[in-house]
N, C-alpha and C. Protein backbone atom coordinates (compact mmCIF):
# COMPACT_ATOMS: atom_id res chain seq x y z
N PHE A 1 125.74 122.03 181.42
CA PHE A 1 125.01 122.31 179.96
C PHE A 1 123.82 121.06 179.83
N PHE A 2 123.17 121.56 179.42
CA PHE A 2 121.87 120.48 179.51
C PHE A 2 121.56 120.37 177.86
N PHE A 3 121.01 119.82 177.53
CA PHE A 3 120.90 119.38 176.39
C PHE A 3 119.35 119.16 176.09
N GLN A 4 119.04 119.50 174.98
CA GLN A 4 117.31 119.30 175.36
C GLN A 4 117.33 118.99 173.41
N CYS A 5 116.37 117.85 173.67
CA CYS A 5 116.35 117.57 172.49
C CYS A 5 114.56 116.74 172.12
N ALA A 6 114.05 117.33 171.01
CA ALA A 6 112.67 116.93 170.65
C ALA A 6 112.27 115.21 170.92
N LEU A 7 111.04 114.93 171.21
CA LEU A 7 111.23 113.72 171.48
C LEU A 7 110.01 113.33 170.15
N PRO A 8 110.24 112.16 169.49
CA PRO A 8 110.05 111.58 168.95
C PRO A 8 108.09 111.71 169.06
N PHE A 9 107.49 111.87 167.72
CA PHE A 9 105.96 110.97 167.85
C PHE A 9 105.74 110.23 168.25
N THR A 10 106.38 109.27 168.44
CA THR A 10 106.38 107.81 168.60
C THR A 10 106.58 107.12 169.76
N SER A 11 107.18 108.28 170.57
CA SER A 11 107.61 107.96 171.96
C SER A 11 106.08 107.96 172.64
N PRO A 12 106.36 107.12 173.82
CA PRO A 12 105.55 107.08 174.90
C PRO A 12 104.53 107.91 175.87
N ILE A 13 104.91 109.15 175.38
CA ILE A 13 104.18 110.42 176.02
C ILE A 13 103.24 110.98 174.91
N PHE A 14 103.70 110.69 173.38
CA PHE A 14 102.64 110.98 172.54
C PHE A 14 102.62 109.92 171.57
N PRO A 15 101.48 109.04 171.75
CA PRO A 15 101.52 107.34 170.99
C PRO A 15 100.90 107.82 169.91
N PHE A 16 100.50 109.12 169.24
CA PHE A 16 100.18 109.45 167.67
C PHE A 16 100.75 109.50 166.92
N ASN A 17 100.55 109.20 165.50
CA ASN A 17 101.49 109.67 164.74
C ASN A 17 100.79 110.02 163.20
N MET A 18 100.83 110.48 162.57
CA MET A 18 100.57 111.20 161.01
C MET A 18 100.04 109.95 160.20
N SER A 19 100.75 108.76 160.59
CA SER A 19 100.40 107.91 159.38
C SER A 19 99.21 107.13 160.06
N GLU A 20 99.06 107.41 161.80
CA GLU A 20 97.73 106.54 162.30
C GLU A 20 96.34 107.36 161.82
N GLU A 21 96.89 108.79 161.98
CA GLU A 21 95.75 109.99 161.64
C GLU A 21 95.19 109.40 160.11
N THR A 22 95.82 108.81 159.63
CA THR A 22 95.99 109.43 157.70
C THR A 22 95.00 107.49 157.85
N LYS A 23 95.45 106.80 158.16
CA LYS A 23 95.00 105.44 158.21
C LYS A 23 93.22 105.83 158.51
N THR A 24 92.88 106.24 159.76
CA THR A 24 91.98 106.28 160.31
C THR A 24 90.94 106.85 159.52
N THR A 25 91.30 108.16 158.78
CA THR A 25 90.25 109.07 157.74
C THR A 25 90.30 107.87 156.69
N ALA A 26 91.53 107.40 156.21
CA ALA A 26 90.95 106.09 154.99
C ALA A 26 89.58 105.48 155.02
N GLU A 27 89.79 104.68 156.32
CA GLU A 27 88.67 103.90 156.67
C GLU A 27 87.12 104.23 157.46
N GLU A 28 87.02 105.76 157.02
CA GLU A 28 85.71 105.80 157.66
C GLU A 28 84.79 105.54 156.30
N PRO A 29 83.47 105.15 157.02
CA PRO A 29 82.41 104.70 156.28
C PRO A 29 82.29 105.56 154.77
N PRO A 30 81.33 104.99 153.93
CA PRO A 30 81.10 105.71 152.79
C PRO A 30 80.13 106.61 152.96
N LYS A 31 80.07 108.11 152.27
CA LYS A 31 78.99 108.89 152.23
C LYS A 31 77.55 108.00 151.88
N GLU A 32 76.44 109.26 152.21
CA GLU A 32 75.24 108.64 152.15
C GLU A 32 74.95 108.78 150.50
N GLU A 33 75.74 109.62 149.68
CA GLU A 33 75.50 109.52 148.69
C GLU A 33 75.91 108.34 147.53
N GLU A 34 77.18 107.98 148.39
CA GLU A 34 77.47 106.54 147.57
C GLU A 34 76.64 105.57 147.64
N LYS A 35 76.19 105.65 148.86
CA LYS A 35 75.12 104.81 149.24
C LYS A 35 73.99 104.56 148.25
N ALA A 36 73.47 106.07 148.32
CA ALA A 36 72.30 106.38 147.37
C ALA A 36 72.67 105.42 146.10
N GLY A 37 73.83 106.10 145.26
CA GLY A 37 74.28 105.47 144.04
C GLY A 37 73.92 103.86 144.10
N GLU A 38 74.54 103.37 144.83
CA GLU A 38 75.15 102.08 144.84
C GLU A 38 73.60 101.52 144.46
N THR A 39 72.51 101.95 145.60
CA THR A 39 71.27 101.25 145.63
C THR A 39 70.89 101.41 144.58
N GLU A 40 70.55 102.92 143.65
CA GLU A 40 69.96 102.85 142.21
C GLU A 40 70.49 102.02 141.20
N GLU A 41 72.07 101.81 141.31
CA GLU A 41 72.50 100.48 140.59
C GLU A 41 71.98 99.43 140.40
N LYS A 42 71.19 98.70 142.01
CA LYS A 42 71.02 97.81 142.05
C LYS A 42 69.73 97.49 141.74
N VAL A 43 68.75 98.73 141.95
CA VAL A 43 67.46 98.64 141.80
C VAL A 43 67.08 98.41 140.09
N LYS A 44 67.91 99.50 139.64
CA LYS A 44 68.02 99.15 137.82
C LYS A 44 68.35 97.76 137.11
N GLU A 45 69.06 96.96 138.39
CA GLU A 45 69.60 95.82 137.80
C GLU A 45 68.44 94.91 138.14
N GLU A 46 67.83 95.17 138.94
CA GLU A 46 66.89 94.00 139.54
C GLU A 46 65.39 94.39 138.77
N GLU A 47 65.04 95.84 138.28
CA GLU A 47 64.10 95.87 137.35
C GLU A 47 63.50 94.53 136.66
N SER A 48 62.39 94.15 136.68
CA SER A 48 61.49 92.93 135.67
C SER A 48 61.07 94.05 134.18
N THR A 49 61.71 92.87 133.33
CA THR A 49 60.85 93.28 131.91
C THR A 49 59.99 92.50 131.42
N ALA A 50 59.34 91.59 132.32
CA ALA A 50 58.44 90.59 131.81
C ALA A 50 56.94 91.50 131.28
N THR A 51 56.54 91.15 130.24
CA THR A 51 55.38 91.64 129.78
C THR A 51 53.88 90.64 130.35
N PHE A 52 53.20 91.34 130.40
CA PHE A 52 51.23 90.57 130.86
C PHE A 52 50.60 90.87 129.85
N GLU A 53 49.57 89.96 128.83
CA GLU A 53 48.79 90.24 128.32
C GLU A 53 47.27 89.80 129.14
N PRO A 54 46.33 90.51 128.58
CA PRO A 54 45.10 90.66 129.20
C PRO A 54 44.46 89.23 129.25
N VAL A 55 43.87 88.55 130.51
CA VAL A 55 43.29 87.43 130.10
C VAL A 55 41.87 87.25 129.14
N VAL A 56 40.98 88.42 129.66
CA VAL A 56 40.29 88.66 128.44
C VAL A 56 40.39 90.12 127.75
N VAL A 57 40.13 90.17 126.31
CA VAL A 57 40.26 90.68 125.82
C VAL A 57 38.56 91.30 124.77
N LEU A 58 38.39 92.51 125.43
CA LEU A 58 37.10 93.44 124.73
C LEU A 58 37.31 94.05 123.75
N GLU A 59 36.10 93.57 122.91
CA GLU A 59 35.79 94.10 121.43
C GLU A 59 35.49 95.46 121.73
N GLU A 60 35.52 96.50 120.75
CA GLU A 60 34.91 97.72 120.85
C GLU A 60 33.54 97.12 120.40
N VAL A 61 32.31 98.01 120.97
CA VAL A 61 31.07 97.87 120.78
C VAL A 61 30.46 98.88 120.29
N GLU A 62 29.59 99.32 118.92
CA GLU A 62 29.08 100.54 118.37
C GLU A 62 27.43 100.29 119.21
N VAL A 63 27.46 101.71 119.95
CA VAL A 63 26.63 101.97 121.03
C VAL A 63 25.88 102.87 119.74
N LYS A 64 24.39 102.81 119.72
CA LYS A 64 23.71 103.42 118.89
C LYS A 64 22.36 104.28 119.95
N SER A 65 22.10 105.65 119.79
CA SER A 65 21.71 106.47 120.49
C SER A 65 19.72 106.35 120.03
N GLY A 66 19.98 105.69 118.81
CA GLY A 66 18.42 106.02 118.40
C GLY A 66 18.18 107.44 117.70
N GLU A 67 19.15 108.01 117.74
CA GLU A 67 19.00 109.26 117.07
C GLU A 67 19.93 109.48 115.21
N GLU A 68 20.37 108.11 114.98
CA GLU A 68 20.84 108.07 113.99
C GLU A 68 20.24 108.55 112.55
N GLU A 69 18.87 108.42 112.67
CA GLU A 69 18.04 108.22 111.66
C GLU A 69 17.25 110.15 111.32
N GLU A 70 17.91 110.85 112.54
CA GLU A 70 17.06 111.88 112.91
C GLU A 70 17.93 113.56 112.23
N GLU A 71 17.40 114.46 111.97
CA GLU A 71 18.25 115.58 112.05
C GLU A 71 18.04 116.28 112.95
N ILE A 72 18.88 117.14 113.10
CA ILE A 72 18.68 118.20 114.55
C ILE A 72 18.18 119.57 113.95
N VAL A 73 16.98 120.08 114.43
CA VAL A 73 16.09 121.13 113.72
C VAL A 73 16.44 122.37 114.69
N LEU A 74 16.77 121.78 116.08
CA LEU A 74 17.25 122.89 117.06
C LEU A 74 17.82 122.43 118.21
N SER A 75 18.81 123.07 119.21
CA SER A 75 19.36 122.65 119.92
C SER A 75 19.77 123.78 120.76
N GLN A 76 19.73 123.69 122.30
CA GLN A 76 20.19 124.91 123.15
C GLN A 76 19.91 124.52 124.63
N ARG A 77 20.63 124.77 124.97
CA ARG A 77 21.40 124.36 126.71
C ARG A 77 20.11 124.75 127.51
N ALA A 78 19.68 124.02 128.19
CA ALA A 78 18.97 124.54 129.48
C ALA A 78 18.97 123.94 130.34
N LYS A 79 18.16 124.39 131.22
CA LYS A 79 17.61 123.22 132.55
C LYS A 79 16.34 123.28 132.94
N LEU A 80 16.12 121.79 133.29
CA LEU A 80 14.88 120.99 132.92
C LEU A 80 14.17 120.95 134.29
N PHE A 81 13.03 120.90 134.29
CA PHE A 81 12.10 120.64 135.73
C PHE A 81 11.16 119.80 135.65
N ILE A 82 10.51 119.18 136.46
CA ILE A 82 9.17 118.36 136.47
C ILE A 82 8.19 118.90 137.87
N PHE A 83 7.03 118.91 137.26
CA PHE A 83 5.85 118.97 138.40
C PHE A 83 5.45 117.84 138.89
N GLY A 84 5.45 117.45 140.12
CA GLY A 84 5.17 115.68 140.31
C GLY A 84 5.79 115.23 142.11
N GLU A 85 5.26 114.03 142.25
CA GLU A 85 5.45 113.59 143.55
C GLU A 85 7.16 113.24 143.37
N THR A 86 7.69 112.95 144.37
CA THR A 86 8.84 112.85 145.00
C THR A 86 8.86 111.23 145.18
N MET A 87 9.90 110.26 144.82
CA MET A 87 9.93 108.85 145.39
C MET A 87 9.83 109.05 146.61
N LEU A 88 9.66 109.46 147.65
CA LEU A 88 9.44 109.02 149.21
C LEU A 88 8.32 109.40 149.19
N GLU A 89 7.42 110.79 148.47
CA GLU A 89 6.12 110.99 148.82
C GLU A 89 5.06 110.51 147.88
N LYS A 90 5.43 109.39 147.08
CA LYS A 90 4.73 108.71 146.08
C LYS A 90 3.42 107.96 146.72
N GLY A 91 2.09 109.01 145.73
CA GLY A 91 1.09 108.12 146.37
C GLY A 91 0.40 109.45 147.54
N SER A 92 1.16 110.37 148.07
CA SER A 92 0.98 111.11 148.94
C SER A 92 -0.02 112.28 148.10
N GLY A 93 -0.13 112.79 147.02
CA GLY A 93 -0.71 114.20 146.37
C GLY A 93 0.30 115.22 146.39
N ASN A 94 1.28 114.99 147.74
CA ASN A 94 1.97 115.95 147.41
C ASN A 94 2.98 116.61 146.39
N LYS A 95 2.64 117.06 145.19
CA LYS A 95 3.65 117.72 144.02
C LYS A 95 4.31 118.89 144.49
N THR A 96 5.56 118.59 143.67
CA THR A 96 6.50 120.01 144.19
C THR A 96 7.23 119.65 142.65
N TRP A 97 7.87 121.22 142.48
CA TRP A 97 8.95 121.44 141.40
C TRP A 97 10.25 121.11 141.93
N ARG A 98 10.62 120.33 141.22
CA ARG A 98 11.87 119.36 141.27
C ARG A 98 12.97 119.55 139.92
N GLU A 99 14.25 119.70 140.03
CA GLU A 99 14.84 119.78 139.16
C GLU A 99 14.91 118.56 138.50
N ARG A 100 14.85 118.35 137.01
CA ARG A 100 15.24 117.20 136.21
C ARG A 100 16.62 116.84 136.18
N GLY A 101 17.19 118.08 135.43
CA GLY A 101 18.33 118.01 134.69
C GLY A 101 19.02 119.03 134.21
N VAL A 102 20.50 119.12 133.54
CA VAL A 102 20.61 120.14 132.68
C VAL A 102 21.48 119.77 131.50
N GLY A 103 21.04 120.09 130.43
CA GLY A 103 21.84 119.65 129.01
C GLY A 103 21.38 120.73 128.11
N ASP A 104 21.58 120.10 127.24
CA ASP A 104 20.99 120.06 125.30
C ASP A 104 19.77 119.85 125.25
N VAL A 105 18.63 120.43 125.14
CA VAL A 105 17.54 120.45 124.68
C VAL A 105 17.12 120.33 122.91
N ARG A 106 16.61 119.45 122.49
CA ARG A 106 17.09 118.97 120.97
C ARG A 106 15.12 118.65 120.23
N ILE A 107 15.25 118.97 119.36
CA ILE A 107 14.16 118.91 118.38
C ILE A 107 14.40 118.36 117.10
N LEU A 108 14.16 117.04 117.01
CA LEU A 108 14.79 116.36 116.02
C LEU A 108 13.64 115.71 115.30
N ARG A 109 14.06 115.81 113.75
CA ARG A 109 12.82 115.75 112.82
C ARG A 109 13.51 114.25 112.03
N HIS A 110 12.69 113.30 112.13
CA HIS A 110 13.04 111.79 111.59
C HIS A 110 12.99 112.03 109.84
N LYS A 111 14.36 111.82 109.41
CA LYS A 111 14.49 111.43 107.74
C LYS A 111 13.85 110.80 106.96
N GLU A 112 13.10 109.98 107.38
CA GLU A 112 12.05 108.92 107.04
C GLU A 112 10.57 109.54 106.90
N HIS A 113 10.22 109.20 107.90
CA HIS A 113 8.70 109.91 108.08
C HIS A 113 8.20 111.02 108.47
N GLN A 114 9.22 112.24 109.22
CA GLN A 114 9.55 113.54 108.79
C GLN A 114 8.73 113.85 110.45
N ARG A 115 8.31 112.68 111.28
CA ARG A 115 8.12 113.32 112.48
C ARG A 115 9.08 113.90 113.33
N LEU A 116 8.70 114.69 114.36
CA LEU A 116 9.32 115.65 115.15
C LEU A 116 9.00 115.03 116.47
N ARG A 117 10.01 115.76 117.26
CA ARG A 117 9.65 115.22 118.76
C ARG A 117 11.17 115.73 119.64
N LEU A 118 10.73 116.01 120.84
CA LEU A 118 11.77 116.70 121.56
C LEU A 118 12.65 115.60 122.67
N LEU A 119 13.56 116.02 122.44
CA LEU A 119 14.42 115.04 123.46
C LEU A 119 15.69 115.89 124.03
N MET A 120 16.13 115.23 125.25
CA MET A 120 16.67 115.97 126.22
C MET A 120 17.10 115.14 127.10
N ARG A 121 19.02 115.27 127.18
CA ARG A 121 19.70 113.79 127.91
C ARG A 121 20.36 114.77 128.90
N GLN A 122 20.35 114.70 130.12
CA GLN A 122 21.27 114.99 131.05
C GLN A 122 22.77 115.04 130.71
N GLU A 123 23.41 116.15 131.02
CA GLU A 123 24.80 116.23 130.35
C GLU A 123 25.70 115.50 131.36
N LYS A 124 27.20 114.39 130.99
CA LYS A 124 27.49 113.71 131.53
C LYS A 124 27.07 112.37 131.70
N THR A 125 25.77 112.40 132.43
CA THR A 125 25.52 110.67 131.96
C THR A 125 24.68 110.25 130.76
N MET A 126 24.17 111.86 130.17
CA MET A 126 23.48 111.57 128.93
C MET A 126 22.16 110.48 129.10
N LYS A 127 21.59 110.70 130.40
CA LYS A 127 20.53 109.99 130.73
C LYS A 127 19.68 110.83 129.94
N VAL A 128 18.25 110.30 129.29
CA VAL A 128 17.09 110.72 128.91
C VAL A 128 16.33 111.50 130.04
N ILE A 129 16.15 112.73 130.07
CA ILE A 129 15.68 113.45 130.85
C ILE A 129 13.87 113.80 130.45
N ALA A 130 13.82 113.76 128.91
CA ALA A 130 12.51 114.29 128.08
C ALA A 130 12.77 113.62 127.01
N ASN A 131 11.22 112.80 126.41
CA ASN A 131 11.19 112.56 125.18
C ASN A 131 9.81 112.37 124.98
N HIS A 132 9.14 113.08 124.01
CA HIS A 132 7.75 113.18 123.84
C HIS A 132 7.86 113.79 122.11
N ALA A 133 6.46 113.14 121.47
CA ALA A 133 6.41 113.83 120.15
C ALA A 133 6.21 115.35 120.38
N LEU A 134 6.28 116.11 119.39
CA LEU A 134 5.28 117.48 119.12
C LEU A 134 3.88 117.63 118.86
N ASP A 135 3.22 116.77 119.81
CA ASP A 135 1.98 117.20 119.40
C ASP A 135 1.46 118.15 119.19
N PRO A 136 0.44 118.64 118.23
CA PRO A 136 0.23 119.86 118.06
C PRO A 136 -0.84 120.60 119.32
N ARG A 137 -1.81 119.43 119.78
CA ARG A 137 -2.16 119.90 120.87
C ARG A 137 -1.51 120.37 122.18
N ILE A 138 -0.36 120.59 122.39
CA ILE A 138 0.67 120.87 123.69
C ILE A 138 0.51 122.45 123.58
N LYS A 139 0.53 123.07 124.58
CA LYS A 139 0.15 124.44 124.90
C LYS A 139 1.21 124.75 125.59
N LEU A 140 2.52 125.55 125.16
CA LEU A 140 3.58 125.96 125.48
C LEU A 140 3.40 127.45 126.59
N GLU A 141 3.28 127.52 127.50
CA GLU A 141 2.77 128.78 127.83
C GLU A 141 3.98 129.45 128.51
N PRO A 142 4.26 130.76 129.41
CA PRO A 142 5.19 131.54 129.63
C PRO A 142 4.99 130.83 131.72
N ASN A 143 6.37 130.81 132.04
CA ASN A 143 6.10 130.33 133.62
C ASN A 143 6.12 132.05 134.08
N VAL A 144 5.23 131.95 135.35
CA VAL A 144 5.28 132.91 135.99
C VAL A 144 6.07 133.73 136.96
N GLY A 145 6.57 134.80 136.11
CA GLY A 145 7.26 135.96 136.67
C GLY A 145 8.88 135.36 136.24
N SER A 146 8.75 134.78 135.09
CA SER A 146 10.18 134.42 134.19
C SER A 146 9.97 134.84 132.51
N ASP A 147 10.93 135.76 132.04
CA ASP A 147 10.76 135.90 130.65
C ASP A 147 11.61 134.89 129.90
N ARG A 148 12.15 134.16 130.82
CA ARG A 148 13.19 132.95 130.20
C ARG A 148 12.96 131.52 130.34
N SER A 149 11.60 131.27 130.37
CA SER A 149 11.42 129.56 131.08
C SER A 149 9.90 129.62 131.00
N TRP A 150 9.07 128.60 129.93
CA TRP A 150 8.16 127.97 129.58
C TRP A 150 8.00 126.43 130.40
N VAL A 151 6.39 126.65 129.87
CA VAL A 151 5.71 125.00 131.11
C VAL A 151 4.70 124.79 130.12
N TRP A 152 4.88 123.45 129.78
CA TRP A 152 3.73 122.73 129.33
C TRP A 152 3.83 121.20 129.73
N SER A 153 2.82 120.52 128.73
CA SER A 153 2.53 119.12 129.75
C SER A 153 2.44 118.54 128.07
N ALA A 154 2.79 117.17 128.49
CA ALA A 154 2.93 116.24 127.44
C ALA A 154 2.88 114.90 127.92
N PHE A 155 2.73 114.53 127.07
CA PHE A 155 2.89 112.25 127.53
C PHE A 155 4.31 112.20 127.06
N ASP A 156 5.45 111.82 128.21
CA ASP A 156 6.78 111.72 128.23
C ASP A 156 7.11 110.07 128.16
N PHE A 157 8.07 109.89 127.40
CA PHE A 157 8.36 108.78 127.12
C PHE A 157 10.11 108.32 127.81
N ALA A 158 10.27 109.25 128.38
CA ALA A 158 11.73 109.32 128.89
C ALA A 158 12.44 107.77 129.75
N ASP A 159 11.14 107.46 130.50
CA ASP A 159 11.46 106.49 131.22
C ASP A 159 11.02 104.93 130.95
N GLY A 160 10.72 105.13 129.90
CA GLY A 160 10.55 103.47 128.97
C GLY A 160 8.96 103.75 129.01
N GLU A 161 8.12 104.17 129.39
CA GLU A 161 6.65 104.32 129.49
C GLU A 161 5.69 105.57 128.97
N LEU A 162 5.04 105.98 128.65
CA LEU A 162 3.99 106.93 128.60
C LEU A 162 3.41 107.27 130.12
N VAL A 163 3.98 108.56 130.22
CA VAL A 163 3.59 109.10 131.15
C VAL A 163 3.09 110.77 131.21
N GLU A 164 1.75 111.09 131.73
CA GLU A 164 1.56 112.33 131.49
C GLU A 164 2.48 113.29 132.72
N THR A 165 3.44 114.33 132.00
CA THR A 165 4.33 114.92 132.83
C THR A 165 4.07 116.35 132.34
N VAL A 166 4.53 117.46 133.23
CA VAL A 166 4.27 119.00 133.79
C VAL A 166 5.64 119.31 133.84
N PHE A 167 6.07 119.95 132.21
CA PHE A 167 7.56 120.55 132.35
C PHE A 167 7.73 121.79 132.74
N ALA A 168 9.01 122.17 133.29
CA ALA A 168 9.16 123.70 133.16
C ALA A 168 10.49 123.75 132.65
N ILE A 169 10.87 124.78 131.64
CA ILE A 169 12.37 124.68 131.08
C ILE A 169 12.75 126.23 131.45
N ARG A 170 14.21 126.18 131.56
CA ARG A 170 14.68 127.50 131.67
C ARG A 170 16.11 127.97 131.09
N PHE A 171 15.84 128.89 130.26
CA PHE A 171 17.22 128.84 129.15
C PHE A 171 17.83 130.19 129.87
N PRO A 172 19.22 130.44 129.58
CA PRO A 172 19.85 131.50 130.02
C PRO A 172 19.39 132.98 130.07
N ASP A 173 18.76 133.26 128.97
CA ASP A 173 17.90 134.66 128.40
C ASP A 173 17.15 134.33 127.72
N SER A 174 16.03 135.58 127.28
CA SER A 174 14.84 135.45 127.40
C SER A 174 15.22 135.66 125.58
N ASP A 175 16.20 135.82 124.96
CA ASP A 175 16.21 135.66 123.28
C ASP A 175 16.00 134.26 123.31
N ILE A 176 16.73 132.94 123.68
CA ILE A 176 17.53 131.99 123.46
C ILE A 176 15.49 131.58 124.07
N ALA A 177 15.11 131.71 125.09
CA ALA A 177 13.77 130.93 125.35
C ALA A 177 12.24 131.80 124.26
N ASN A 178 12.89 132.84 123.49
CA ASN A 178 11.86 132.94 122.54
C ASN A 178 12.41 132.14 121.16
N GLU A 179 13.35 132.33 120.78
CA GLU A 179 13.62 131.52 119.74
C GLU A 179 13.49 130.16 119.90
N PHE A 180 13.47 129.26 120.98
CA PHE A 180 12.88 127.88 121.24
C PHE A 180 11.37 127.60 121.09
N LYS A 181 10.82 129.08 121.85
CA LYS A 181 9.33 128.67 121.61
C LYS A 181 8.93 128.88 120.20
N ASP A 182 9.44 129.99 119.31
CA ASP A 182 9.13 130.19 117.81
C ASP A 182 9.13 128.74 116.71
N VAL A 183 10.71 127.99 117.26
CA VAL A 183 10.49 126.99 116.61
C VAL A 183 9.50 125.46 117.02
N PHE A 184 9.54 125.66 118.36
CA PHE A 184 8.75 124.71 119.06
C PHE A 184 7.18 124.59 118.50
N LEU A 185 6.76 126.18 118.27
CA LEU A 185 5.30 126.29 117.58
C LEU A 185 5.54 126.08 116.13
N LYS A 186 6.25 126.12 115.18
CA LYS A 186 6.65 126.14 113.89
C LYS A 186 6.48 124.70 113.64
N CYS A 187 7.31 123.58 114.58
CA CYS A 187 7.65 122.45 114.15
C CYS A 187 5.82 121.49 114.89
N GLN A 188 5.17 122.04 115.70
CA GLN A 188 3.89 121.94 115.96
C GLN A 188 3.13 121.78 114.55
N GLU A 189 3.16 122.82 113.77
CA GLU A 189 2.21 123.16 112.92
C GLU A 189 2.63 122.00 111.53
N GLU A 190 3.91 121.97 111.49
CA GLU A 190 4.18 120.74 110.68
C GLU A 190 3.79 119.34 111.04
N MET A 191 4.05 119.11 112.37
CA MET A 191 3.37 118.04 112.54
C MET A 191 1.85 117.61 112.73
N GLU A 192 1.11 119.11 113.01
CA GLU A 192 -0.45 119.00 112.60
C GLU A 192 -0.64 118.60 111.31
N ALA A 193 -0.03 119.11 110.00
CA ALA A 193 0.10 119.01 108.89
C ALA A 193 0.64 117.41 108.64
N LEU A 194 1.78 116.67 108.93
CA LEU A 194 1.98 115.36 108.76
C LEU A 194 0.79 114.17 109.63
N LEU A 195 0.14 114.43 110.55
CA LEU A 195 -0.52 114.00 110.80
C LEU A 195 -2.13 114.02 110.34
N ALA A 196 -2.39 115.03 109.83
CA ALA A 196 -3.60 115.18 108.81
C ALA A 196 -3.41 114.49 107.28
N GLY A 197 -2.41 114.26 107.10
CA GLY A 197 -1.82 113.32 105.77
C GLY A 197 -1.27 114.34 104.44
N GLU A 198 -1.00 115.56 104.98
CA GLU A 198 -0.50 116.07 104.12
C GLU A 198 1.16 116.02 104.01
N ASP A 199 1.83 116.54 103.16
CA ASP A 199 3.20 116.18 103.04
C ASP A 199 3.58 117.74 103.71
N LYS A 200 5.34 117.56 103.89
CA LYS A 200 5.77 118.46 104.30
C LYS A 200 6.02 119.65 103.68
N PRO A 201 6.11 120.78 104.40
CA PRO A 201 5.91 122.48 103.30
C PRO A 201 7.19 122.12 102.91
N ASP A 202 6.91 122.99 101.24
CA ASP A 202 7.93 122.66 100.65
C ASP A 202 8.30 123.98 100.79
N GLU A 203 9.46 123.95 101.01
CA GLU A 203 10.44 125.15 101.69
C GLU A 203 11.40 125.42 100.85
N ASP A 204 12.16 124.65 99.81
CA ASP A 204 12.96 125.18 98.67
C ASP A 204 12.27 125.26 97.50
N GLY A 205 10.74 125.01 97.08
CA GLY A 205 10.03 125.18 96.23
C GLY A 205 10.37 123.66 94.71
N THR A 206 10.90 123.18 95.22
CA THR A 206 10.80 122.03 94.63
C THR A 206 9.24 120.93 94.18
N ALA A 207 8.32 120.81 95.07
CA ALA A 207 6.96 120.44 94.77
C ALA A 207 6.63 121.13 93.46
N GLU A 208 6.92 122.80 93.82
CA GLU A 208 6.16 123.99 92.54
C GLU A 208 6.98 123.52 90.76
N GLU A 209 8.16 122.98 91.03
CA GLU A 209 8.57 122.87 89.66
C GLU A 209 8.41 121.58 89.71
N VAL A 210 7.88 120.68 90.14
CA VAL A 210 7.99 119.28 89.67
C VAL A 210 6.39 119.30 89.14
N ALA A 211 5.20 120.07 89.82
CA ALA A 211 3.96 120.28 88.77
C ALA A 211 4.44 121.42 87.91
N GLU A 212 5.31 121.62 88.00
CA GLU A 212 5.39 122.98 86.26
C GLU A 212 5.86 121.74 85.37
N ALA A 213 6.73 121.16 85.71
CA ALA A 213 7.37 120.22 84.40
C ALA A 213 6.09 119.08 84.06
N LEU A 214 5.65 118.62 84.93
CA LEU A 214 4.45 117.55 84.93
C LEU A 214 3.61 118.31 84.12
N SER A 215 2.96 119.33 84.38
CA SER A 215 2.24 120.20 83.31
C SER A 215 2.24 120.54 81.98
N ALA A 216 3.97 120.97 81.79
CA ALA A 216 4.60 120.86 80.36
C ALA A 216 4.01 119.51 79.51
N LEU A 217 4.71 118.55 80.60
CA LEU A 217 4.53 117.23 79.86
C LEU A 217 3.19 116.79 79.51
N LYS A 218 2.42 117.19 80.00
CA LYS A 218 0.59 116.76 79.96
C LYS A 218 0.43 117.58 78.49
N THR A 219 0.74 119.41 78.27
CA THR A 219 0.59 119.63 77.70
C THR A 219 0.95 119.12 76.38
N SER A 220 2.56 119.02 76.30
CA SER A 220 2.93 118.40 75.23
C SER A 220 2.15 117.19 74.28
N ASP A 221 1.43 116.21 75.47
CA ASP A 221 1.08 114.67 75.06
C ASP A 221 -0.19 115.30 74.41
N GLU A 222 -0.95 116.43 75.05
CA GLU A 222 -2.06 116.59 73.78
C GLU A 222 -1.92 117.45 72.98
N LYS A 223 -0.61 118.04 72.37
CA LYS A 223 -0.75 118.72 71.13
C LYS A 223 -0.44 117.16 70.14
N GLU A 224 0.71 116.29 70.62
CA GLU A 224 1.04 115.26 69.78
C GLU A 224 -0.98 114.64 69.40
N GLU A 225 -1.83 114.21 69.91
CA GLU A 225 -2.58 114.01 69.40
C GLU A 225 -3.60 114.80 68.76
N THR A 226 -3.50 116.09 69.18
CA THR A 226 -4.38 116.83 67.97
C THR A 226 -3.63 116.68 66.91
N GLU A 227 -2.35 116.68 66.64
CA GLU A 227 -1.76 116.40 65.31
C GLU A 227 -1.96 115.32 64.69
């Protein structure tokens, strides 16, 4: 008879056993997710809570545009051009049309002396690109081949000194261009009256009411003297 028996796992033929396999699994390195979690906790602990104050404290400064004492008569978006020499061709006599900027062209009236001027600033930069009085001698003429553009010449003060400049302005459509012309010419008439020593045109009839009141007072005084 032959007796067959099972060899234990701890025999030399099978050097491995279940306990060793379990031990190997327990000693595996931690997963990447666990490492990331530990790193985040360390970073949170190491975050600085220190506060820093600026060395120089800047105070708010009120910037004046020079338009505080004026009221807007007209404001329209347009593109402005000038006719003249470029910086590279200065003194050469070669003059061409070039774009000066896009923005709102405005006609302003001073609240105190009632003088009117045209002012235009380039959008975004707010640089002054046109600044001149509405001289009654200025002639607003249509630009050849366009029903939404006007050309005129004036003594411009945009760069800080009076320079005779030829302007061309272009509007989105002919209706806006015609409205600009109507207001421009009307303001020129008003400026002509002011320069001639006349008062601003009485739009609301106030001057007539004052004249009637004065006339009534004069009449009552005369009646008292007669009695």
